[in-house]
């Protein structure tokens, strides 16, 4: 999904750091978007349910992509 924006990993990391305010959510989003980790391992890593991880990722992605779309 992030491939369509043609931005570097470093740029994505900076955008996530600037626009996702919860440290936990930033870590989860980076692991999912940048490292490609599936939901189940993320849920185990962060001691959350898969449903919670999916909600965090989808909410954070939506916010991040809205910001990126506005700036391009």
N, C-alpha and C. Protein backbone atom coordinates (compact mmCIF):
# COMPACT_ATOMS: atom_id res chain seq x y z
N UNK A 1 0.82 -1.21 0.00
CA UNK A 1 0.00 0.00 0.00
C UNK A 1 0.86 1.27 0.00
N UNK A 2 1.93 1.26 0.78
CA UNK A 2 2.77 2.46 0.83
C UNK A 2 3.62 2.61 -0.43
N UNK A 3 3.72 1.55 -1.22
CA UNK A 3 4.53 1.59 -2.44
C UNK A 3 4.02 2.63 -3.42
N UNK A 4 2.72 2.86 -3.44
CA UNK A 4 2.16 3.80 -4.42
C UNK A 4 2.63 5.24 -4.18
N UNK A 5 3.13 5.52 -2.98
CA UNK A 5 3.56 6.88 -2.66
C UNK A 5 5.02 7.14 -3.01
N UNK A 6 5.81 6.09 -3.25
CA UNK A 6 7.19 6.23 -3.66
C UNK A 6 8.01 7.10 -2.70
N UNK A 7 7.85 6.85 -1.40
CA UNK A 7 8.61 7.55 -0.38
C UNK A 7 9.58 6.57 0.28
N UNK A 8 10.69 7.09 0.77
CA UNK A 8 11.69 6.24 1.41
C UNK A 8 11.21 5.75 2.77
N UNK A 9 11.86 4.71 3.25
CA UNK A 9 11.54 4.19 4.58
C UNK A 9 11.76 5.27 5.63
N UNK A 10 12.84 6.02 5.49
CA UNK A 10 13.14 7.09 6.45
C UNK A 10 12.04 8.14 6.46
N UNK A 11 11.53 8.48 5.30
CA UNK A 11 10.43 9.46 5.21
C UNK A 11 9.19 8.92 5.91
N UNK A 12 8.87 7.64 5.67
CA UNK A 12 7.71 7.03 6.33
C UNK A 12 7.90 7.04 7.84
N UNK A 13 9.10 6.70 8.31
CA UNK A 13 9.35 6.69 9.75
C UNK A 13 9.13 8.09 10.34
N UNK A 14 9.62 9.11 9.66
CA UNK A 14 9.43 10.48 10.13
C UNK A 14 7.95 10.88 10.15
N UNK A 15 7.23 10.52 9.10
CA UNK A 15 5.79 10.83 9.04
C UNK A 15 5.04 10.15 10.17
N UNK A 16 5.35 8.89 10.40
CA UNK A 16 4.69 8.16 11.49
C UNK A 16 5.02 8.81 12.83
N UNK A 17 6.28 9.15 13.03
CA UNK A 17 6.68 9.80 14.29
C UNK A 17 5.99 11.15 14.48
N UNK A 18 5.79 11.89 13.40
CA UNK A 18 5.19 13.22 13.48
C UNK A 18 3.67 13.19 13.65
N UNK A 19 3.01 12.19 13.08
CA UNK A 19 1.55 12.24 13.00
C UNK A 19 0.80 11.18 13.80
N UNK A 20 1.49 10.17 14.30
CA UNK A 20 0.84 9.15 15.13
C UNK A 20 1.33 9.40 16.56
N UNK A 21 0.43 9.82 17.42
CA UNK A 21 0.82 10.37 18.71
C UNK A 21 1.07 9.34 19.81
N UNK A 22 0.47 8.18 19.72
CA UNK A 22 0.69 7.14 20.71
C UNK A 22 1.96 6.36 20.36
N UNK A 23 2.85 6.22 21.32
CA UNK A 23 4.10 5.49 21.07
C UNK A 23 3.82 4.04 20.67
N UNK A 24 2.88 3.41 21.37
CA UNK A 24 2.51 2.03 21.04
C UNK A 24 1.99 1.93 19.61
N UNK A 25 1.12 2.85 19.22
CA UNK A 25 0.55 2.82 17.88
C UNK A 25 1.62 3.06 16.82
N UNK A 26 2.56 3.95 17.11
CA UNK A 26 3.68 4.19 16.18
C UNK A 26 4.48 2.92 15.96
N UNK A 27 4.80 2.24 17.05
CA UNK A 27 5.58 1.00 16.95
C UNK A 27 4.83 -0.06 16.16
N UNK A 28 3.56 -0.21 16.44
CA UNK A 28 2.74 -1.21 15.74
C UNK A 28 2.66 -0.87 14.25
N UNK A 29 2.41 0.38 13.93
CA UNK A 29 2.28 0.77 12.53
C UNK A 29 3.59 0.58 11.77
N UNK A 30 4.70 0.93 12.38
CA UNK A 30 6.00 0.73 11.73
C UNK A 30 6.26 -0.75 11.48
N UNK A 31 5.96 -1.58 12.47
CA UNK A 31 6.19 -3.02 12.31
C UNK A 31 5.30 -3.58 11.20
N UNK A 32 4.08 -3.08 11.08
CA UNK A 32 3.16 -3.58 10.06
C UNK A 32 3.49 -3.02 8.68
N UNK A 33 3.58 -1.71 8.54
CA UNK A 33 3.77 -1.09 7.23
C UNK A 33 5.20 -1.23 6.71
N UNK A 34 6.17 -1.03 7.56
CA UNK A 34 7.56 -0.98 7.10
C UNK A 34 8.26 -2.33 7.16
N UNK A 35 7.89 -3.15 8.14
CA UNK A 35 8.54 -4.46 8.28
C UNK A 35 7.70 -5.60 7.74
N UNK A 36 6.41 -5.32 7.46
CA UNK A 36 5.53 -6.33 6.87
C UNK A 36 5.12 -7.45 7.81
N UNK A 37 5.13 -7.19 9.11
CA UNK A 37 4.76 -8.21 10.08
C UNK A 37 3.24 -8.40 10.06
N UNK A 38 2.80 -9.65 10.08
CA UNK A 38 1.36 -9.98 10.07
C UNK A 38 0.71 -9.62 11.41
N UNK A 39 -0.61 -9.58 11.41
CA UNK A 39 -1.36 -9.16 12.59
C UNK A 39 -1.17 -10.08 13.80
N UNK A 40 -1.15 -11.38 13.56
CA UNK A 40 -1.05 -12.32 14.67
C UNK A 40 0.26 -12.16 15.46
N UNK A 41 1.40 -12.13 14.77
CA UNK A 41 2.65 -11.92 15.52
C UNK A 41 2.70 -10.56 16.23
N UNK A 42 2.10 -9.54 15.61
CA UNK A 42 2.05 -8.23 16.26
C UNK A 42 1.22 -8.29 17.53
N UNK A 43 0.11 -8.99 17.47
CA UNK A 43 -0.75 -9.13 18.65
C UNK A 43 0.01 -9.79 19.79
N UNK A 44 0.78 -10.82 19.47
CA UNK A 44 1.58 -11.48 20.50
C UNK A 44 2.68 -10.56 21.03
N UNK A 45 3.36 -9.87 20.12
CA UNK A 45 4.46 -8.98 20.50
C UNK A 45 4.00 -7.87 21.44
N UNK A 46 2.82 -7.32 21.18
CA UNK A 46 2.33 -6.19 21.97
C UNK A 46 1.30 -6.59 23.01
N UNK A 47 1.08 -7.89 23.16
CA UNK A 47 0.14 -8.42 24.15
C UNK A 47 -1.26 -7.82 23.98
N UNK A 48 -1.73 -7.85 22.73
CA UNK A 48 -3.05 -7.35 22.38
C UNK A 48 -3.77 -8.43 21.58
N UNK A 49 -5.07 -8.26 21.40
CA UNK A 49 -5.79 -9.19 20.53
C UNK A 49 -5.54 -8.78 19.07
N UNK A 50 -5.76 -9.72 18.17
CA UNK A 50 -5.62 -9.44 16.75
C UNK A 50 -6.58 -8.32 16.35
N UNK A 51 -7.77 -8.35 16.90
CA UNK A 51 -8.77 -7.32 16.61
C UNK A 51 -8.26 -5.93 17.02
N UNK A 52 -7.64 -5.84 18.18
CA UNK A 52 -7.11 -4.56 18.64
C UNK A 52 -5.99 -4.06 17.72
N UNK A 53 -5.12 -4.96 17.32
CA UNK A 53 -4.01 -4.59 16.44
C UNK A 53 -4.55 -4.11 15.10
N UNK A 54 -5.52 -4.82 14.56
CA UNK A 54 -6.10 -4.41 13.28
C UNK A 54 -6.73 -3.03 13.39
N UNK A 55 -7.45 -2.78 14.47
CA UNK A 55 -8.09 -1.46 14.66
C UNK A 55 -7.03 -0.37 14.74
N UNK A 56 -5.95 -0.61 15.47
CA UNK A 56 -4.88 0.38 15.59
C UNK A 56 -4.25 0.65 14.23
N UNK A 57 -3.95 -0.42 13.49
CA UNK A 57 -3.31 -0.26 12.18
C UNK A 57 -4.23 0.49 11.22
N UNK A 58 -5.48 0.08 11.13
CA UNK A 58 -6.39 0.72 10.18
C UNK A 58 -6.62 2.19 10.53
N UNK A 59 -6.81 2.49 11.81
CA UNK A 59 -7.03 3.87 12.23
C UNK A 59 -5.78 4.73 11.95
N UNK A 60 -4.64 4.20 12.28
CA UNK A 60 -3.39 4.94 12.09
C UNK A 60 -3.06 5.11 10.62
N UNK A 61 -3.27 4.05 9.83
CA UNK A 61 -3.05 4.14 8.38
C UNK A 61 -3.93 5.20 7.76
N UNK A 62 -5.18 5.21 8.13
CA UNK A 62 -6.12 6.18 7.57
C UNK A 62 -5.64 7.60 7.84
N UNK A 63 -5.26 7.87 9.07
CA UNK A 63 -4.76 9.19 9.44
C UNK A 63 -3.50 9.54 8.64
N UNK A 64 -2.57 8.62 8.60
CA UNK A 64 -1.31 8.85 7.93
C UNK A 64 -1.50 9.08 6.43
N UNK A 65 -2.30 8.26 5.77
CA UNK A 65 -2.49 8.39 4.35
C UNK A 65 -3.26 9.68 4.01
N UNK A 66 -4.16 10.12 4.87
CA UNK A 66 -4.84 11.40 4.65
C UNK A 66 -3.83 12.54 4.67
N UNK A 67 -2.90 12.50 5.61
CA UNK A 67 -1.87 13.53 5.72
C UNK A 67 -0.99 13.52 4.47
N UNK A 68 -0.55 12.34 4.06
CA UNK A 68 0.33 12.22 2.89
C UNK A 68 -0.40 12.68 1.63
N UNK A 69 -1.65 12.28 1.47
CA UNK A 69 -2.43 12.67 0.29
C UNK A 69 -2.59 14.18 0.20
N UNK A 70 -2.77 14.84 1.32
CA UNK A 70 -2.92 16.30 1.33
C UNK A 70 -1.62 17.01 0.97
N UNK A 71 -0.50 16.39 1.32
CA UNK A 71 0.78 17.07 1.12
C UNK A 71 1.36 16.83 -0.28
N UNK A 72 0.81 15.87 -1.01
CA UNK A 72 1.35 15.59 -2.36
C UNK A 72 0.71 16.42 -3.41
